[in-house]
Amino acid sequence: MENMKEVAQEFDASLARWQKDWPQQRQGFAALTEAAKAPGELEQKYKYLIALGIAVANHCHWCIAANVRSALAHGATKKQVMEAGWVAVQMGGGPSLAYLQLVQKAVDDFAT
């Protein structure tokens, strides 16, 4: 199984490349991301946990890595991250259960 820190780094490298090659598109998406995940009525950690659940349900291992990393960095506990993953499994069924492995792996990789 992949090292989820490396998966996150791969995604970060792609974002950096797109910033260089496609600055208008990248900056537009970055502005939306910053606005959506800015502090508001929901604490940022909860926004990352929501994004994590969507990542599991949509089977995106790059998104799982990025959102676990961000959730933990914004104060989520390992148990909160896993609970968010389990809610996604409940909504997404068997395929999402398979992707919960990546959530566990990311928790293990980023929390150490």
C-alpha atoms as a PDB file:
ATOM      1  CA  MET A   1       0.000   0.000   0.000  1.00  0.00           C
ATOM      2  CA  GLU A   2       1.201   3.482  -0.829  1.00  0.00           C
ATOM      3  CA  ASN A   3       2.777   5.828   1.673  1.00  0.00           C
ATOM      4  CA  MET A   4       0.095   8.480   2.023  1.00  0.00           C
ATOM      5  CA  LYS A   5       2.664  11.197   2.699  1.00  0.00           C
ATOM      6  CA  GLU A   6       4.067  10.453  -0.761  1.00  0.00           C
ATOM      7  CA  VAL A   7       0.560  10.542  -2.263  1.00  0.00           C
ATOM      8  CA  ALA A   8       0.018  13.990  -0.723  1.00  0.00           C
ATOM      9  CA  GLN A   9       3.414  15.147  -1.998  1.00  0.00           C
ATOM     10  CA  GLU A  10       2.532  13.877  -5.486  1.00  0.00           C
ATOM     11  CA  PHE A  11      -0.670  15.918  -5.400  1.00  0.00           C
ATOM     12  CA  ASP A  12       1.180  18.993  -4.094  1.00  0.00           C
ATOM     13  CA  ALA A  13       3.660  18.663  -6.978  1.00  0.00           C
ATOM     14  CA  SER A  14       0.818  18.500  -9.488  1.00  0.00           C
ATOM     15  CA  LEU A  15      -0.779  21.595  -7.974  1.00  0.00           C
ATOM     16  CA  ALA A  16       2.539  23.449  -8.231  1.00  0.00           C
ATOM     17  CA  ARG A  17       2.940  22.414 -11.854  1.00  0.00           C
ATOM     18  CA  TRP A  18      -0.588  23.526 -12.704  1.00  0.00           C
ATOM     19  CA  GLN A  19       0.052  26.837 -10.951  1.00  0.00           C
ATOM     20  CA  LYS A  20       2.938  27.343 -13.369  1.00  0.00           C
ATOM     21  CA  ASP A  21       1.302  25.927 -16.510  1.00  0.00           C
ATOM     22  CA  TRP A  22      -2.327  26.893 -15.885  1.00  0.00           C
ATOM     23  CA  PRO A  23      -2.223  29.830 -13.439  1.00  0.00           C
ATOM     24  CA  GLN A  24      -5.693  31.234 -14.149  1.00  0.00           C
ATOM     25  CA  GLN A  25      -7.447  27.902 -13.694  1.00  0.00           C
ATOM     26  CA  ARG A  26      -5.362  26.927 -10.677  1.00  0.00           C
ATOM     27  CA  GLN A  27      -5.841  30.291  -8.985  1.00  0.00           C
ATOM     28  CA  GLY A  28      -9.592  30.133  -9.613  1.00  0.00           C
ATOM     29  CA  PHE A  29      -9.882  26.732  -7.998  1.00  0.00           C
ATOM     30  CA  ALA A  30      -7.548  27.769  -5.174  1.00  0.00           C
ATOM     31  CA  ALA A  31      -9.748  30.801  -4.450  1.00  0.00           C
ATOM     32  CA  LEU A  32     -12.823  28.568  -4.221  1.00  0.00           C
ATOM     33  CA  THR A  33     -10.982  26.132  -1.961  1.00  0.00           C
ATOM     34  CA  GLU A  34      -9.759  28.893   0.343  1.00  0.00           C
ATOM     35  CA  ALA A  35     -13.222  30.443   0.563  1.00  0.00           C
ATOM     36  CA  ALA A  36     -14.958  27.134   1.212  1.00  0.00           C
ATOM     37  CA  LYS A  37     -12.497  26.003   3.860  1.00  0.00           C
ATOM     38  CA  ALA A  38     -11.970  29.363   5.587  1.00  0.00           C
ATOM     39  CA  PRO A  39     -13.002  29.636   9.225  1.00  0.00           C
ATOM     40  CA  GLY A  40     -16.717  30.323   9.524  1.00  0.00           C
ATOM     41  CA  GLU A  41     -19.663  28.789  11.319  1.00  0.00           C
ATOM     42  CA  LEU A  42     -17.873  25.447  11.043  1.00  0.00           C
ATOM     43  CA  GLU A  43     -14.390  25.044  12.434  1.00  0.00           C
ATOM     44  CA  GLN A  44     -11.867  24.262   9.717  1.00  0.00           C
ATOM     45  CA  LYS A  45     -11.210  20.764  11.040  1.00  0.00           C
ATOM     46  CA  TYR A  46     -14.870  19.902  10.409  1.00  0.00           C
ATOM     47  CA  LYS A  47     -14.654  21.215   6.864  1.00  0.00           C
ATOM     48  CA  TYR A  48     -11.688  18.927   6.228  1.00  0.00           C
ATOM     49  CA  LEU A  49     -13.544  16.000   7.804  1.00  0.00           C
ATOM     50  CA  ILE A  50     -16.500  16.644   5.489  1.00  0.00           C
ATOM     51  CA  ALA A  51     -14.138  16.809   2.522  1.00  0.00           C
ATOM     52  CA  LEU A  52     -12.550  13.559   3.693  1.00  0.00           C
ATOM     53  CA  GLY A  53     -15.930  11.827   3.740  1.00  0.00           C
ATOM     54  CA  ILE A  54     -16.599  12.986   0.199  1.00  0.00           C
ATOM     55  CA  ALA A  55     -13.128  11.828  -0.853  1.00  0.00           C
ATOM     56  CA  VAL A  56     -13.825   8.338   0.508  1.00  0.00           C
ATOM     57  CA  ALA A  57     -17.247   8.184  -1.148  1.00  0.00           C
ATOM     58  CA  ASN A  58     -15.712   9.352  -4.454  1.00  0.00           C
ATOM     59  CA  HIS A  59     -12.721   7.003  -4.158  1.00  0.00           C
ATOM     60  CA  CYS A  60      -9.994   9.643  -4.543  1.00  0.00           C
ATOM     61  CA  HIS A  61      -6.797   8.548  -2.828  1.00  0.00           C
ATOM     62  CA  TRP A  62      -5.082  11.922  -3.422  1.00  0.00           C
ATOM     63  CA  CYS A  63      -8.034  13.697  -1.795  1.00  0.00           C
ATOM     64  CA  ILE A  64      -7.992  11.263   1.118  1.00  0.00           C
ATOM     65  CA  ALA A  65      -4.301  11.942   1.740  1.00  0.00           C
ATOM     66  CA  ALA A  66      -4.678  15.714   1.464  1.00  0.00           C
ATOM     67  CA  ASN A  67      -7.749  15.955   3.675  1.00  0.00           C
ATOM     68  CA  VAL A  68      -6.480  13.607   6.386  1.00  0.00           C
ATOM     69  CA  ARG A  69      -3.279  15.665   6.512  1.00  0.00           C
ATOM     70  CA  SER A  70      -5.251  18.912   6.705  1.00  0.00           C
ATOM     71  CA  ALA A  71      -7.802  17.632   9.217  1.00  0.00           C
ATOM     72  CA  LEU A  72      -5.047  16.508  11.570  1.00  0.00           C
ATOM     73  CA  ALA A  73      -3.164  19.786  11.052  1.00  0.00           C
ATOM     74  CA  HIS A  74      -6.330  21.705  11.983  1.00  0.00           C
ATOM     75  CA  GLY A  75      -6.837  19.834  15.236  1.00  0.00           C
ATOM     76  CA  ALA A  76      -8.862  16.754  14.328  1.00  0.00           C
ATOM     77  CA  THR A  77      -7.988  13.669  16.304  1.00  0.00           C
ATOM     78  CA  LYS A  78      -7.177  10.322  14.746  1.00  0.00           C
ATOM     79  CA  LYS A  79     -10.502   8.999  16.045  1.00  0.00           C
ATOM     80  CA  GLN A  80     -12.420  11.922  14.509  1.00  0.00           C
ATOM     81  CA  VAL A  81     -10.764  11.244  11.160  1.00  0.00           C
ATOM     82  CA  MET A  82     -11.677   7.566  11.318  1.00  0.00           C
ATOM     83  CA  GLU A  83     -15.254   8.364  12.378  1.00  0.00           C
ATOM     84  CA  ALA A  84     -15.622  10.634   9.357  1.00  0.00           C
ATOM     85  CA  GLY A  85     -14.321   7.766   7.230  1.00  0.00           C
ATOM     86  CA  TRP A  86     -16.877   5.389   8.721  1.00  0.00           C
ATOM     87  CA  VAL A  87     -19.721   7.816   7.979  1.00  0.00           C
ATOM     88  CA  ALA A  88     -18.534   7.855   4.365  1.00  0.00           C
ATOM     89  CA  VAL A  89     -18.526   4.054   4.330  1.00  0.00           C
ATOM     90  CA  GLN A  90     -22.090   4.031   5.642  1.00  0.00           C
ATOM     91  CA  MET A  91     -23.126   6.303   2.779  1.00  0.00           C
ATOM     92  CA  GLY A  92     -20.970   4.714   0.086  1.00  0.00           C
ATOM     93  CA  GLY A  93     -21.140   0.994   0.878  1.00  0.00           C
ATOM     94  CA  GLY A  94     -18.581  -1.664   0.031  1.00  0.00           C
ATOM     95  CA  PRO A  95     -16.412   0.341  -2.365  1.00  0.00           C
ATOM     96  CA  SER A  96     -16.043   3.079   0.241  1.00  0.00           C
ATOM     97  CA  LEU A  97     -15.146   0.436   2.824  1.00  0.00           C
ATOM     98  CA  ALA A  98     -12.215  -0.532   0.604  1.00  0.00           C
ATOM     99  CA  TYR A  99     -11.067   3.114   0.533  1.00  0.00           C
ATOM    100  CA  LEU A 100     -11.264   3.325   4.325  1.00  0.00           C
ATOM    101  CA  GLN A 101      -7.960   1.429   4.227  1.00  0.00           C
ATOM    102  CA  LEU A 102      -6.391   4.560   2.781  1.00  0.00           C
ATOM    103  CA  VAL A 103      -7.865   6.706   5.538  1.00  0.00           C
ATOM    104  CA  GLN A 104      -6.352   4.371   8.145  1.00  0.00           C
ATOM    105  CA  LYS A 105      -3.039   4.395   6.280  1.00  0.00           C
ATOM    106  CA  ALA A 106      -3.060   8.206   6.070  1.00  0.00           C
ATOM    107  CA  VAL A 107      -3.849   8.506   9.781  1.00  0.00           C
ATOM    108  CA  ASP A 108      -0.973   6.163  10.541  1.00  0.00           C
ATOM    109  CA  ASP A 109       1.407   8.007   8.191  1.00  0.00           C
ATOM    110  CA  PHE A 110       0.526  11.589   9.151  1.00  0.00           C
ATOM    111  CA  ALA A 111      -0.025  11.123  12.881  1.00  0.00           C
ATOM    112  CA  THR A 112       3.500   9.823  13.463  1.00  0.00           C
END
